[in-house]
Amino acid sequence: LYIVPGLAFDRRGGRMGQGAGFYDRYLARALDASQSSLKPGGPSPRPVLIGVTLDELIVEEVPRDEHDLLMDVVLAPSLPSCSS
């Protein structure tokens, strides 16, 4: 489970960070590692990505590139659960 900050989110799970790509790179490595883990019974389940934000930071659409990861859930006070 990863709680991910952002400057803005959309209802499809898009996230706008600060532009350096730190979280996208870190989370991509974490997701790859979870899938390549050799554990009894197979790979680990994929970690859940949760964006937590304020209502004012929910926008219609966040611009995304191919390397940007989508959040599985975005939580805000008026959006108890907004899945991608």
Protein backbone atom coordinates (compact mmCIF):
# COMPACT_ATOMS: atom_id res chain seq x y z
CA LEU A 1 0.00 0.00 0.00
CA TYR A 2 1.43 3.38 -1.04
CA ILE A 3 -0.08 6.73 -0.03
CA VAL A 4 0.97 9.16 -2.78
CA PRO A 5 0.85 12.98 -2.58
CA GLY A 6 0.23 15.26 -5.53
CA LEU A 7 -0.50 18.81 -6.60
CA ALA A 8 -3.68 17.70 -8.41
CA PHE A 9 -5.61 14.52 -9.18
CA ASP A 10 -8.38 13.63 -11.59
CA ARG A 11 -11.24 11.16 -11.12
CA ARG A 12 -9.54 8.59 -13.37
CA GLY A 13 -6.59 8.30 -11.02
CA GLY A 14 -4.29 10.73 -12.82
CA ARG A 15 -1.81 12.51 -10.59
CA MET A 16 0.20 15.68 -11.09
CA GLY A 17 3.40 15.77 -9.07
CA GLN A 18 6.05 18.45 -8.96
CA GLY A 19 7.51 17.49 -12.33
CA ALA A 20 10.67 15.64 -11.32
CA GLY A 21 9.17 12.16 -11.69
CA PHE A 22 10.44 10.95 -8.30
CA TYR A 23 7.27 9.11 -7.28
CA ASP A 24 6.67 7.68 -10.75
CA ARG A 25 10.19 6.20 -10.88
CA TYR A 26 10.07 4.92 -7.30
CA LEU A 27 6.62 3.36 -7.69
CA ALA A 28 7.51 1.80 -11.05
CA ARG A 29 10.48 0.06 -9.37
CA ALA A 30 8.32 -1.02 -6.43
CA LEU A 31 5.64 -2.44 -8.75
CA ASP A 32 8.28 -4.27 -10.82
CA ALA A 33 9.85 -5.69 -7.65
CA SER A 34 6.50 -6.93 -6.37
CA GLN A 35 5.89 -8.81 -9.62
CA SER A 36 9.35 -10.31 -9.80
CA SER A 37 9.47 -11.50 -6.19
CA LEU A 38 9.96 -15.23 -6.04
CA LYS A 39 7.81 -16.32 -3.15
CA PRO A 40 6.06 -19.59 -2.47
CA GLY A 41 2.83 -19.50 -4.42
CA GLY A 42 4.02 -16.96 -6.99
CA PRO A 43 4.59 -13.21 -7.14
CA SER A 44 3.39 -10.82 -4.47
CA PRO A 45 0.10 -9.02 -5.07
CA ARG A 46 0.46 -5.64 -6.76
CA PRO A 47 0.68 -2.80 -4.21
CA VAL A 48 -2.31 -0.46 -4.13
CA LEU A 49 -1.63 3.20 -5.03
CA ILE A 50 -3.78 5.69 -3.12
CA GLY A 51 -3.77 9.42 -3.82
CA VAL A 52 -4.96 11.56 -0.91
CA THR A 53 -5.95 15.14 -1.59
CA LEU A 54 -8.26 18.04 -0.87
CA ASP A 55 -11.45 18.68 -2.84
CA GLU A 56 -9.90 21.82 -4.34
CA LEU A 57 -7.14 19.74 -5.94
CA ILE A 58 -9.48 17.46 -7.91
CA VAL A 59 -9.44 18.65 -11.53
CA GLU A 60 -11.20 17.53 -14.70
CA GLU A 61 -8.09 16.01 -16.27
CA VAL A 62 -4.43 15.80 -15.30
CA PRO A 63 -2.03 15.83 -18.27
CA ARG A 64 -0.24 12.47 -18.45
CA ASP A 65 2.75 10.99 -20.22
CA GLU A 66 3.30 7.30 -20.94
CA HIS A 67 5.47 6.90 -17.82
CA ASP A 68 2.90 8.42 -15.43
CA LEU A 69 1.25 5.89 -13.15
CA LEU A 70 -2.46 5.98 -12.35
CA MET A 71 -3.64 5.79 -8.77
CA ASP A 72 -5.89 2.86 -7.95
CA VAL A 73 -7.96 5.10 -5.67
CA VAL A 74 -8.13 8.85 -5.08
CA LEU A 75 -9.51 9.93 -1.70
CA ALA A 76 -10.79 13.42 -0.92
CA PRO A 77 -13.37 14.65 1.61
CA SER A 78 -16.17 14.78 -0.99
CA LEU A 79 -14.94 11.66 -2.85
CA PRO A 80 -14.86 8.82 -0.35
CA SER A 81 -13.65 6.50 -3.10
CA CYS A 82 -12.87 7.32 -6.71
CA SER A 83 -11.33 4.31 -8.45
CA SER A 84 -9.40 4.45 -11.71
